Amino acid sequence: MNVEISSLVRGTSAQLGAGVPYALKVLAGQLADDPDMGEPSGLPGILSVMIDGDTFEDCPTLNVGYIREPDRIEIRYVNPAPSAEPAAEDQDQDQDQEQEQPADTAAAAVTVREIADAWQRITRWLQHNAPDSYAALRAGASPAALAALEDDLGVQIPVELRVLWLLTAGDDGANGWGCLPGNRALMTLDAVAGAYRLKMDNQADHDTLNADRPEDERITVWKPTWIPVVALGPADSTSGLYLDAATGYLGRWSRYNEGPGEVLDTLVTYLEEAADMLEAPALATRDKPGLIGGALVWLSSIDPAQEDRWQPLTG
């Protein structure tokens, strides 16, 4: 039985602990001998198996999801497993929340897979068609770096954003162009923290003035649950997109405190549409991808002086 572990899963898992790749290799051998050792995960067609963290050095306890086909197995996701035993004094509390936990875990697993799949489609396309843009992507962040950012923001990072940053912790841009539609760029963690502090300071100033304003005239330019994610460009954080940790939806923000604009996209749908436009540019509606040399350049934000060098994509 052939057991496949994609490079995307390998890259993500390596961030969870130095011993995780070896633990996955051992698990792959076990699955080759016993493909049905897992249990139904609650997700269609996916079985789940646990890796005991005590068995391997520098490896947490892991929940691994895989697809079992007649002649192959594909490991689809690797997640740290939640603590198995809650504290004794908490076992009898909040029973309704405990009953909902399996559904929440299943939903999170779906989100992990969707983000990973969409980003893999984008990076695979860049690797084969726009090598300069692919080379500008940073390596994934470590769990420790994400924990430090979470402490800095004082906001829990949603699972979809955590997965994305574990895969790629920012886009340095190719010749000034980010790889996302509009030539926007995935922000680095330092840029996220800086933009968040700036916007929270702006809101604090407004809150001082809001105290003397009628309720219907109070101004909100930022909320604590808004996390900057995408910037106007690799070196331009004057505006961009945030992810609302409370709702899961993206929104537009600007350093100039223009009214925030709603974007009826989740991070999943935003990345999936970007991947769709790259893979089928003839069907692209929001923006048109093309190339200047080895860099991906989106038509909507191209410098007019560069238009004669821009080569539209076909397909």
C-alpha atoms as a PDB file:
ATOM      1  CA  MET A   1       0.000   0.000   0.000  1.00  0.00           C
ATOM      2  CA  ASN A   2       1.449   3.369  -1.053  1.00  0.00           C
ATOM      3  CA  VAL A   3       1.230   6.070   1.651  1.00  0.00           C
ATOM      4  CA  GLU A   4       1.628   9.662   0.429  1.00  0.00           C
ATOM      5  CA  ILE A   5       2.502  12.670   2.561  1.00  0.00           C
ATOM      6  CA  SER A   6       2.313  15.874   0.538  1.00  0.00           C
ATOM      7  CA  SER A   7       5.089  18.475   0.760  1.00  0.00           C
ATOM      8  CA  LEU A   8       2.494  20.875   2.168  1.00  0.00           C
ATOM      9  CA  VAL A   9       1.678  18.539   5.053  1.00  0.00           C
ATOM     10  CA  ARG A  10       5.383  17.893   5.602  1.00  0.00           C
ATOM     11  CA  GLY A  11       6.077  21.614   5.763  1.00  0.00           C
ATOM     12  CA  THR A  12       3.249  22.261   8.185  1.00  0.00           C
ATOM     13  CA  SER A  13       4.027  19.296  10.408  1.00  0.00           C
ATOM     14  CA  ALA A  14       7.682  20.271  10.726  1.00  0.00           C
ATOM     15  CA  GLN A  15       6.534  23.425  12.514  1.00  0.00           C
ATOM     16  CA  LEU A  16       4.833  21.377  15.223  1.00  0.00           C
ATOM     17  CA  GLY A  17       8.051  19.812  16.552  1.00  0.00           C
ATOM     18  CA  ALA A  18      11.398  18.503  15.367  1.00  0.00           C
ATOM     19  CA  GLY A  19      10.280  14.927  15.963  1.00  0.00           C
ATOM     20  CA  VAL A  20       7.023  15.177  14.009  1.00  0.00           C
ATOM     21  CA  PRO A  21       8.411  14.292  10.529  1.00  0.00           C
ATOM     22  CA  TYR A  22       9.942  11.114  11.937  1.00  0.00           C
ATOM     23  CA  ALA A  23       6.705  10.250  13.751  1.00  0.00           C
ATOM     24  CA  LEU A  24       4.804  10.657  10.483  1.00  0.00           C
ATOM     25  CA  LYS A  25       7.289   8.411   8.703  1.00  0.00           C
ATOM     26  CA  VAL A  26       6.711   5.714  11.322  1.00  0.00           C
ATOM     27  CA  LEU A  27       2.948   6.162  11.041  1.00  0.00           C
ATOM     28  CA  ALA A  28       3.164   5.866   7.234  1.00  0.00           C
ATOM     29  CA  GLY A  29       4.813   2.468   7.657  1.00  0.00           C
ATOM     30  CA  GLN A  30       2.095   1.366  10.057  1.00  0.00           C
ATOM     31  CA  LEU A  31      -0.647   2.511   7.690  1.00  0.00           C
ATOM     32  CA  ALA A  32       0.975   0.630   4.808  1.00  0.00           C
ATOM     33  CA  ASP A  33       0.617  -2.562   6.863  1.00  0.00           C
ATOM     34  CA  ASP A  34      -2.790  -1.748   8.347  1.00  0.00           C
ATOM     35  CA  PRO A  35      -4.666   0.814   6.182  1.00  0.00           C
ATOM     36  CA  ASP A  36      -7.818   0.607   8.301  1.00  0.00           C
ATOM     37  CA  MET A  37      -6.219   1.266  11.687  1.00  0.00           C
ATOM     38  CA  GLY A  38      -7.891   4.676  11.927  1.00  0.00           C
ATOM     39  CA  GLU A  39     -11.383   5.547  13.057  1.00  0.00           C
ATOM     40  CA  PRO A  40     -14.040   7.667  11.308  1.00  0.00           C
ATOM     41  CA  SER A  41     -13.193  11.332  11.859  1.00  0.00           C
ATOM     42  CA  GLY A  42     -16.646  12.788  11.294  1.00  0.00           C
ATOM     43  CA  LEU A  43     -15.458  14.179   7.948  1.00  0.00           C
ATOM     44  CA  PRO A  44     -16.623  12.447   4.741  1.00  0.00           C
ATOM     45  CA  GLY A  45     -14.129   9.818   3.623  1.00  0.00           C
ATOM     46  CA  ILE A  46     -11.459  10.721   6.178  1.00  0.00           C
ATOM     47  CA  LEU A  47     -10.139   8.412   8.876  1.00  0.00           C
ATOM     48  CA  SER A  48      -8.350   9.697  11.944  1.00  0.00           C
ATOM     49  CA  VAL A  49      -5.486   8.184  13.921  1.00  0.00           C
ATOM     50  CA  MET A  50      -3.556   9.462  16.935  1.00  0.00           C
ATOM     51  CA  ILE A  51       0.208   9.683  17.371  1.00  0.00           C
ATOM     52  CA  ASP A  52       1.208   9.378  21.027  1.00  0.00           C
ATOM     53  CA  GLY A  53       3.571  12.240  21.799  1.00  0.00           C
ATOM     54  CA  ASP A  54       5.249  10.244  24.571  1.00  0.00           C
ATOM     55  CA  THR A  55       6.484   7.724  22.007  1.00  0.00           C
ATOM     56  CA  PHE A  56       8.639  10.198  20.060  1.00  0.00           C
ATOM     57  CA  GLU A  57      11.087  12.852  21.171  1.00  0.00           C
ATOM     58  CA  ASP A  58      10.056  16.468  20.541  1.00  0.00           C
ATOM     59  CA  CYS A  59       6.648  15.464  19.190  1.00  0.00           C
ATOM     60  CA  PRO A  60       3.298  16.457  20.698  1.00  0.00           C
ATOM     61  CA  THR A  61       0.309  14.149  20.653  1.00  0.00           C
ATOM     62  CA  LEU A  62      -1.147  14.489  17.170  1.00  0.00           C
ATOM     63  CA  ASN A  63      -4.405  13.908  15.366  1.00  0.00           C
ATOM     64  CA  VAL A  64      -3.722  12.746  11.797  1.00  0.00           C
ATOM     65  CA  GLY A  65      -6.409  12.571   9.132  1.00  0.00           C
ATOM     66  CA  TYR A  66      -6.029  10.416   6.035  1.00  0.00           C
ATOM     67  CA  ILE A  67      -7.954   9.212   3.010  1.00  0.00           C
ATOM     68  CA  ARG A  68      -7.959   5.461   2.354  1.00  0.00           C
ATOM     69  CA  GLU A  69      -8.263   4.407  -1.293  1.00  0.00           C
ATOM     70  CA  PRO A  70      -7.945   0.907  -2.804  1.00  0.00           C
ATOM     71  CA  ASP A  71      -4.280   1.303  -3.775  1.00  0.00           C
ATOM     72  CA  ARG A  72      -3.096   4.337  -1.856  1.00  0.00           C
ATOM     73  CA  ILE A  73      -3.383   6.388   1.323  1.00  0.00           C
ATOM     74  CA  GLU A  74      -3.021  10.155   1.451  1.00  0.00           C
ATOM     75  CA  ILE A  75      -2.379  11.928   4.753  1.00  0.00           C
ATOM     76  CA  ARG A  76      -4.430  15.123   4.530  1.00  0.00           C
ATOM     77  CA  TYR A  77      -3.816  16.952   7.787  1.00  0.00           C
ATOM     78  CA  VAL A  78      -1.812  16.841  11.014  1.00  0.00           C
ATOM     79  CA  ASN A  79      -3.062  18.762  14.045  1.00  0.00           C
ATOM     80  CA  PRO A  80      -1.968  18.922  17.681  1.00  0.00           C
ATOM     81  CA  ALA A  81      -4.460  16.894  19.709  1.00  0.00           C
ATOM     82  CA  PRO A  82      -6.359  18.640  22.521  1.00  0.00           C
ATOM     83  CA  SER A  83      -5.621  17.604  26.078  1.00  0.00           C
ATOM     84  CA  ALA A  84      -7.174  14.210  26.631  1.00  0.00           C
ATOM     85  CA  GLU A  85      -8.075  14.655  30.293  1.00  0.00           C
ATOM     86  CA  PRO A  86      -9.655  17.868  31.589  1.00  0.00           C
ATOM     87  CA  ALA A  87      -9.016  18.888  35.170  1.00  0.00           C
ATOM     88  CA  ALA A  88     -11.228  16.979  37.609  1.00  0.00           C
ATOM     89  CA  GLU A  89     -12.956  20.096  38.880  1.00  0.00           C
ATOM     90  CA  ASP A  90     -13.922  21.049  35.317  1.00  0.00           C
ATOM     91  CA  GLN A  91     -15.370  17.717  34.219  1.00  0.00           C
ATOM     92  CA  ASP A  92     -18.889  18.474  35.402  1.00  0.00           C
ATOM     93  CA  GLN A  93     -18.997  22.039  34.077  1.00  0.00           C
ATOM     94  CA  ASP A  94     -20.525  23.311  30.868  1.00  0.00           C
ATOM     95  CA  GLN A  95     -21.854  19.980  29.554  1.00  0.00           C
ATOM     96  CA  ASP A  96     -23.464  21.617  26.544  1.00  0.00           C
ATOM     97  CA  GLN A  97     -20.088  22.986  25.418  1.00  0.00           C
ATOM     98  CA  GLU A  98     -18.505  19.545  25.764  1.00  0.00           C
ATOM     99  CA  GLN A  99     -21.215  18.015  23.613  1.00  0.00           C
ATOM    100  CA  GLU A 100     -20.514  20.567  20.891  1.00  0.00           C
ATOM    101  CA  GLN A 101     -16.754  19.964  20.913  1.00  0.00           C
ATOM    102  CA  PRO A 102     -16.723  17.098  18.342  1.00  0.00           C
ATOM    103  CA  ALA A 103     -18.627  19.260  15.847  1.00  0.00           C
ATOM    104  CA  ASP A 104     -16.248  22.173  16.484  1.00  0.00           C
ATOM    105  CA  THR A 105     -13.241  19.895  16.026  1.00  0.00           C
ATOM    106  CA  ALA A 106     -14.647  18.524  12.775  1.00  0.00           C
ATOM    107  CA  ALA A 107     -15.344  22.031  11.471  1.00  0.00           C
ATOM    108  CA  ALA A 108     -11.807  23.107  12.347  1.00  0.00           C
ATOM    109  CA  ALA A 109     -10.389  20.087  10.514  1.00  0.00           C
ATOM    110  CA  VAL A 110     -12.375  21.031   7.402  1.00  0.00           C
ATOM    111  CA  THR A 111     -11.072  24.598   7.611  1.00  0.00           C
ATOM    112  CA  VAL A 112      -7.489  23.385   7.988  1.00  0.00           C
ATOM    113  CA  ARG A 113      -7.843  21.228   4.891  1.00  0.00           C
ATOM    114  CA  GLU A 114      -9.512  23.983   2.846  1.00  0.00           C
ATOM    115  CA  ILE A 115      -6.879  26.613   3.680  1.00  0.00           C
ATOM    116  CA  ALA A 116      -4.027  24.167   3.066  1.00  0.00           C
ATOM    117  CA  ASP A 117      -5.503  23.009  -0.257  1.00  0.00           C
ATOM    118  CA  ALA A 118      -6.166  26.563  -1.512  1.00  0.00           C
ATOM    119  CA  TRP A 119      -2.704  27.813  -0.562  1.00  0.00           C
ATOM    120  CA  GLN A 120      -1.069  24.736  -2.081  1.00  0.00           C
ATOM    121  CA  ARG A 121      -2.871  25.452  -5.368  1.00  0.00           C
ATOM    122  CA  ILE A 122      -1.554  29.046  -5.323  1.00  0.00           C
ATOM    123  CA  THR A 123       2.024  28.170  -4.409  1.00  0.00           C
ATOM    124  CA  ARG A 124       2.152  25.239  -6.831  1.00  0.00           C
ATOM    125  CA  TRP A 125       1.069  27.594  -9.633  1.00  0.00           C
ATOM    126  CA  LEU A 126       3.662  30.188  -8.599  1.00  0.00           C
ATOM    127  CA  GLN A 127       6.404  27.584  -8.429  1.00  0.00           C
ATOM    128  CA  HIS A 128       5.750  26.456 -12.007  1.00  0.00           C
ATOM    129  CA  ASN A 129       4.808  29.784 -13.619  1.00  0.00           C
ATOM    130  CA  ALA A 130       6.099  32.719 -11.551  1.00  0.00           C
ATOM    131  CA  PRO A 131       9.313  31.623  -9.805  1.00  0.00           C
ATOM    132  CA  ASP A 132      10.204  35.165  -8.679  1.00  0.00           C
ATOM    133  CA  SER A 133       6.902  35.463  -6.836  1.00  0.00           C
ATOM    134  CA  TYR A 134       7.291  31.996  -5.377  1.00  0.00           C
ATOM    135  CA  ALA A 135      10.776  32.831  -4.083  1.00  0.00           C
ATOM    136  CA  ALA A 136       9.416  35.974  -2.380  1.00  0.00           C
ATOM    137  CA  LEU A 137       7.174  33.966  -0.053  1.00  0.00           C
ATOM    138  CA  ARG A 138       8.552  33.584   3.449  1.00  0.00           C
ATOM    139  CA  ALA A 139       8.827  30.277   5.215  1.00  0.00           C
ATOM    140  CA  GLY A 140       6.086  29.351   7.627  1.00  0.00           C
ATOM    141  CA  ALA A 141       6.021  30.810  11.127  1.00  0.00           C
ATOM    142  CA  SER A 142       6.786  28.674  14.138  1.00  0.00           C
ATOM    143  CA  PRO A 143       4.078  27.947  16.737  1.00  0.00           C
ATOM    144  CA  ALA A 144       6.170  29.983  19.196  1.00  0.00           C
ATOM    145  CA  ALA A 145       6.114  33.012  16.887  1.00  0.00           C
ATOM    146  CA  LEU A 146       2.332  32.748  16.527  1.00  0.00           C
ATOM    147  CA  ALA A 147       1.938  32.430  20.299  1.00  0.00           C
ATOM    148  CA  ALA A 148       4.045  35.587  20.751  1.00  0.00           C
ATOM    149  CA  LEU A 149       1.923  37.464  18.206  1.00  0.00           C
ATOM    150  CA  GLU A 150      -1.247  36.274  19.924  1.00  0.00           C
ATOM    151  CA  ASP A 151       0.048  37.621  23.231  1.00  0.00           C
ATOM    152  CA  ASP A 152       0.981  40.911  21.575  1.00  0.00           C
ATOM    153  CA  LEU A 153      -2.450  41.360  19.985  1.00  0.00           C
ATOM    154  CA  GLY A 154      -4.404  40.004  22.934  1.00  0.00           C
ATOM    155  CA  VAL A 155      -6.636  38.173  20.455  1.00  0.00           C
ATOM    156  CA  GLN A 156      -6.856  34.455  19.722  1.00  0.00           C
ATOM    157  CA  ILE A 157      -5.735  33.849  16.145  1.00  0.00           C
ATOM    158  CA  PRO A 158      -8.474  31.974  14.225  1.00  0.00           C
ATOM    159  CA  VAL A 159      -7.588  28.503  13.007  1.00  0.00           C
ATOM    160  CA  GLU A 160      -7.707  29.472   9.317  1.00  0.00           C
ATOM    161  CA  LEU A 161      -5.204  32.292   9.815  1.00  0.00           C
ATOM    162  CA  ARG A 162      -3.002  30.160  12.046  1.00  0.00           C
ATOM    163  CA  VAL A 163      -2.811  27.469   9.351  1.00  0.00           C
ATOM    164  CA  LEU A 164      -1.967  30.025   6.649  1.00  0.00           C
ATOM    165  CA  TRP A 165       0.818  31.586   8.717  1.00  0.00           C
ATOM    166  CA  LEU A 166       2.225  28.157   9.541  1.00  0.00           C
ATOM    167  CA  LEU A 167       2.551  27.663   5.791  1.00  0.00           C
ATOM    168  CA  THR A 168       3.789  31.137   4.824  1.00  0.00           C
ATOM    169  CA  ALA A 169       4.581  33.959   7.255  1.00  0.00           C
ATOM    170  CA  GLY A 170       4.405  36.778   4.738  1.00  0.00           C
ATOM    171  CA  ASP A 171       5.176  37.819   1.163  1.00  0.00           C
ATOM    172  CA  ASP A 172       8.227  40.036   0.498  1.00  0.00           C
ATOM    173  CA  GLY A 173       7.007  40.638  -3.045  1.00  0.00           C
ATOM    174  CA  ALA A 174       8.634  40.269  -6.440  1.00  0.00           C
ATOM    175  CA  ASN A 175       9.699  43.667  -7.817  1.00  0.00           C
ATOM    176  CA  GLY A 176       7.146  45.304  -5.538  1.00  0.00           C
ATOM    177  CA  TRP A 177       4.222  43.077  -6.485  1.00  0.00           C
ATOM    178  CA  GLY A 178       2.465  40.800  -4.015  1.00  0.00           C
ATOM    179  CA  CYS A 179       1.020  37.543  -5.281  1.00  0.00           C
ATOM    180  CA  LEU A 180      -2.590  38.098  -4.207  1.00  0.00           C
ATOM    181  CA  PRO A 181      -5.256  39.798  -6.390  1.00  0.00           C
ATOM    182  CA  GLY A 182      -4.651  43.510  -6.779  1.00  0.00           C
ATOM    183  CA  ASN A 183      -0.948  42.762  -6.258  1.00  0.00           C
ATOM    184  CA  ARG A 184      -1.652  42.722  -2.536  1.00  0.00           C
ATOM    185  CA  ALA A 185       0.689  40.887  -0.203  1.00  0.00           C
ATOM    186  CA  LEU A 186       0.262  38.612   2.779  1.00  0.00           C
ATOM    187  CA  MET A 187       1.598  40.669   5.678  1.00  0.00           C
ATOM    188  CA  THR A 188       4.583  39.611   7.761  1.00  0.00           C
ATOM    189  CA  LEU A 189       3.940  39.025  11.469  1.00  0.00           C
ATOM    190  CA  ASP A 190       5.854  42.183  12.405  1.00  0.00           C
ATOM    191  CA  ALA A 191       3.747  44.210   9.972  1.00  0.00           C
ATOM    192  CA  VAL A 192       0.572  42.687  11.411  1.00  0.00           C
ATOM    193  CA  ALA A 193       1.549  43.673  14.944  1.00  0.00           C
ATOM    194  CA  GLY A 194       2.554  47.194  13.874  1.00  0.00           C
ATOM    195  CA  ALA A 195      -0.636  47.855  11.912  1.00  0.00           C
ATOM    196  CA  TYR A 196      -2.791  46.448  14.724  1.00  0.00           C
ATOM    197  CA  ARG A 197      -1.181  48.695  17.354  1.00  0.00           C
ATOM    198  CA  LEU A 198      -1.546  51.740  15.104  1.00  0.00           C
ATOM    199  CA  LYS A 199      -5.236  51.087  14.493  1.00  0.00           C
ATOM    200  CA  MET A 200      -5.953  50.354  18.151  1.00  0.00           C
ATOM    201  CA  ASP A 201      -4.271  53.648  19.089  1.00  0.00           C
ATOM    202  CA  ASN A 202      -6.418  55.431  16.502  1.00  0.00           C
ATOM    203  CA  GLN A 203      -9.537  53.880  17.983  1.00  0.00           C
ATOM    204  CA  ALA A 204      -8.476  54.904  21.508  1.00  0.00           C
ATOM    205  CA  ASP A 205      -8.276  58.518  20.312  1.00  0.00           C
ATOM    206  CA  HIS A 206     -11.766  58.230  18.831  1.00  0.00           C
ATOM    207  CA  ASP A 207     -13.089  56.612  22.001  1.00  0.00           C
ATOM    208  CA  THR A 208     -11.998  59.707  23.936  1.00  0.00           C
ATOM    209  CA  LEU A 209     -13.984  61.880  21.546  1.00  0.00           C
ATOM    210  CA  ASN A 210     -16.859  59.394  21.392  1.00  0.00           C
ATOM    211  CA  ALA A 211     -17.502  59.925  25.085  1.00  0.00           C
ATOM    212  CA  ASP A 212     -18.911  63.381  24.241  1.00  0.00           C
ATOM    213  CA  ARG A 213     -20.717  62.344  21.070  1.00  0.00           C
ATOM    214  CA  PRO A 214     -24.295  61.096  20.698  1.00  0.00           C
ATOM    215  CA  GLU A 215     -24.404  57.325  20.317  1.00  0.00           C
ATOM    216  CA  ASP A 216     -25.392  57.484  16.651  1.00  0.00           C
ATOM    217  CA  GLU A 217     -22.435  59.783  15.876  1.00  0.00           C
ATOM    218  CA  ARG A 218     -19.697  57.724  17.522  1.00  0.00           C
ATOM    219  CA  ILE A 219     -16.923  56.591  15.200  1.00  0.00           C
ATOM    220  CA  THR A 220     -15.449  53.110  15.023  1.00  0.00           C
ATOM    221  CA  VAL A 221     -12.313  52.731  12.929  1.00  0.00           C
ATOM    222  CA  TRP A 222     -11.101  49.490  14.501  1.00  0.00           C
ATOM    223  CA  LYS A 223     -12.283  46.629  16.688  1.00  0.00           C
ATOM    224  CA  PRO A 224     -10.062  44.442  18.888  1.00  0.00           C
ATOM    225  CA  THR A 225     -11.118  41.312  16.957  1.00  0.00           C
ATOM    226  CA  TRP A 226      -9.899  42.695  13.616  1.00  0.00           C
ATOM    227  CA  ILE A 227      -6.522  41.191  12.627  1.00  0.00           C
ATOM    228  CA  PRO A 228      -4.650  42.733   9.647  1.00  0.00           C
ATOM    229  CA  VAL A 229      -3.829  40.025   7.128  1.00  0.00           C
ATOM    230  CA  VAL A 230      -3.260  41.474   3.651  1.00  0.00           C
ATOM    231  CA  ALA A 231      -1.559  44.766   2.768  1.00  0.00           C
ATOM    232  CA  LEU A 232      -1.900  46.932  -0.324  1.00  0.00           C
ATOM    233  CA  GLY A 233       1.612  45.875  -1.294  1.00  0.00           C
ATOM    234  CA  PRO A 234       4.741  44.260   0.119  1.00  0.00           C
ATOM    235  CA  ALA A 235       6.054  47.653   1.243  1.00  0.00           C
ATOM    236  CA  ASP A 236       2.738  49.502   1.518  1.00  0.00           C
ATOM    237  CA  SER A 237       0.657  48.985   4.658  1.00  0.00           C
ATOM    238  CA  THR A 238      -1.514  52.060   4.181  1.00  0.00           C
ATOM    239  CA  SER A 239      -4.522  49.850   3.527  1.00  0.00           C
ATOM    240  CA  GLY A 240      -5.496  46.244   3.110  1.00  0.00           C
ATOM    241  CA  LEU A 241      -7.738  43.483   4.406  1.00  0.00           C
ATOM    242  CA  TYR A 242      -8.369  42.342   7.958  1.00  0.00           C
ATOM    243  CA  LEU A 243      -9.891  39.121   9.256  1.00  0.00           C
ATOM    244  CA  ASP A 244     -12.565  39.549  11.908  1.00  0.00           C
ATOM    245  CA  ALA A 245     -11.832  36.839  14.473  1.00  0.00           C
ATOM    246  CA  ALA A 246     -15.405  37.141  15.751  1.00  0.00           C
ATOM    247  CA  THR A 247     -17.203  36.553  12.439  1.00  0.00           C
ATOM    248  CA  GLY A 248     -14.617  34.887  10.186  1.00  0.00           C
ATOM    249  CA  TYR A 249     -15.159  37.463   7.433  1.00  0.00           C
ATOM    250  CA  LEU A 250     -12.664  39.767   5.765  1.00  0.00           C
ATOM    251  CA  GLY A 251     -13.013  43.537   5.707  1.00  0.00           C
ATOM    252  CA  ARG A 252     -11.152  46.501   4.227  1.00  0.00           C
ATOM    253  CA  TRP A 253      -9.074  48.855   6.371  1.00  0.00           C
ATOM    254  CA  SER A 254      -7.113  52.025   5.709  1.00  0.00           C
ATOM    255  CA  ARG A 255      -4.505  53.905   7.707  1.00  0.00           C
ATOM    256  CA  TYR A 256      -6.390  57.097   6.872  1.00  0.00           C
ATOM    257  CA  ASN A 257      -9.380  55.955   8.939  1.00  0.00           C
ATOM    258  CA  GLU A 258     -11.763  55.781   6.052  1.00  0.00           C
ATOM    259  CA  GLY A 259     -14.895  53.864   6.907  1.00  0.00           C
ATOM    260  CA  PRO A 260     -14.197  50.109   7.005  1.00  0.00           C
ATOM    261  CA  GLY A 261     -15.671  48.213   4.109  1.00  0.00           C
ATOM    262  CA  GLU A 262     -17.179  44.776   4.282  1.00  0.00           C
ATOM    263  CA  VAL A 263     -15.819  42.000   2.106  1.00  0.00           C
ATOM    264  CA  LEU A 264     -18.220  39.096   1.932  1.00  0.00           C
ATOM    265  CA  ASP A 265     -15.378  36.615   1.788  1.00  0.00           C
ATOM    266  CA  THR A 266     -13.906  34.291   4.331  1.00  0.00           C
ATOM    267  CA  LEU A 267     -10.182  33.655   4.165  1.00  0.00           C
ATOM    268  CA  VAL A 268     -11.006  30.283   2.604  1.00  0.00           C
ATOM    269  CA  THR A 269     -13.158  31.704  -0.192  1.00  0.00           C
ATOM    270  CA  TYR A 270     -10.686  34.546  -0.801  1.00  0.00           C
ATOM    271  CA  LEU A 271      -7.770  32.153  -1.321  1.00  0.00           C
ATOM    272  CA  GLU A 272      -9.888  29.686  -3.298  1.00  0.00           C
ATOM    273  CA  GLU A 273     -10.953  32.418  -5.717  1.00  0.00           C
ATOM    274  CA  ALA A 274      -7.344  33.558  -6.144  1.00  0.00           C
ATOM    275  CA  ALA A 275      -6.381  29.969  -6.960  1.00  0.00           C
ATOM    276  CA  ASP A 276      -9.314  29.664  -9.379  1.00  0.00           C
ATOM    277  CA  MET A 277      -8.264  32.814 -11.252  1.00  0.00           C
ATOM    278  CA  LEU A 278      -4.707  31.546 -11.621  1.00  0.00           C
ATOM    279  CA  GLU A 279      -5.765  28.113 -12.827  1.00  0.00           C
ATOM    280  CA  ALA A 280      -8.508  29.396 -15.147  1.00  0.00           C
ATOM    281  CA  PRO A 281      -7.622  33.019 -16.032  1.00  0.00           C
ATOM    282  CA  ALA A 282     -10.161  33.154 -18.860  1.00  0.00           C
ATOM    283  CA  LEU A 283     -12.901  32.847 -16.263  1.00  0.00           C
ATOM    284  CA  ALA A 284     -11.435  35.399 -13.851  1.00  0.00           C
ATOM    285  CA  THR A 285     -13.819  38.223 -13.002  1.00  0.00           C
ATOM    286  CA  ARG A 286     -12.449  40.298 -10.117  1.00  0.00           C
ATOM    287  CA  ASP A 287      -8.950  40.668 -11.580  1.00  0.00           C
ATOM    288  CA  LYS A 288      -6.797  39.348 -14.400  1.00  0.00           C
ATOM    289  CA  PRO A 289      -3.491  37.587 -13.703  1.00  0.00           C
ATOM    290  CA  GLY A 290      -0.469  37.959 -15.935  1.00  0.00           C
ATOM    291  CA  LEU A 291       3.312  37.877 -15.928  1.00  0.00           C
ATOM    292  CA  ILE A 292       6.148  40.365 -16.115  1.00  0.00           C
ATOM    293  CA  GLY A 293       9.241  38.243 -16.387  1.00  0.00           C
ATOM    294  CA  GLY A 294       9.129  35.684 -13.612  1.00  0.00           C
ATOM    295  CA  ALA A 295       6.692  37.625 -11.438  1.00  0.00           C
ATOM    296  CA  LEU A 296       2.927  37.325 -11.143  1.00  0.00           C
ATOM    297  CA  VAL A 297       1.290  40.702 -11.771  1.00  0.00           C
ATOM    298  CA  TRP A 298      -2.444  41.395 -11.516  1.00  0.00           C
ATOM    299  CA  LEU A 299      -3.846  43.801 -14.092  1.00  0.00           C
ATOM    300  CA  SER A 300      -6.005  45.921 -11.767  1.00  0.00           C
ATOM    301  CA  SER A 301      -3.036  47.483  -9.978  1.00  0.00           C
ATOM    302  CA  ILE A 302      -0.343  47.487 -12.629  1.00  0.00           C
ATOM    303  CA  ASP A 303       1.796  50.571 -13.155  1.00  0.00           C
ATOM    304  CA  PRO A 304       0.785  52.044 -16.554  1.00  0.00           C
ATOM    305  CA  ALA A 305       4.469  52.294 -17.426  1.00  0.00           C
ATOM    306  CA  GLN A 306       4.715  48.510 -17.126  1.00  0.00           C
ATOM    307  CA  GLU A 307       1.641  47.604 -19.172  1.00  0.00           C
ATOM    308  CA  ASP A 308       3.599  46.980 -22.386  1.00  0.00           C
ATOM    309  CA  ARG A 309       5.655  44.308 -20.575  1.00  0.00           C
ATOM    310  CA  TRP A 310       2.627  42.582 -19.038  1.00  0.00           C
ATOM    311  CA  GLN A 311       1.745  39.248 -20.580  1.00  0.00           C
ATOM    312  CA  PRO A 312      -1.824  38.063 -19.867  1.00  0.00           C
ATOM    313  CA  LEU A 313      -2.340  34.452 -18.972  1.00  0.00           C
ATOM    314  CA  THR A 314      -4.390  32.181 -21.190  1.00  0.00           C
ATOM    315  CA  GLY A 315      -6.245  29.028 -20.328  1.00  0.00           C
END
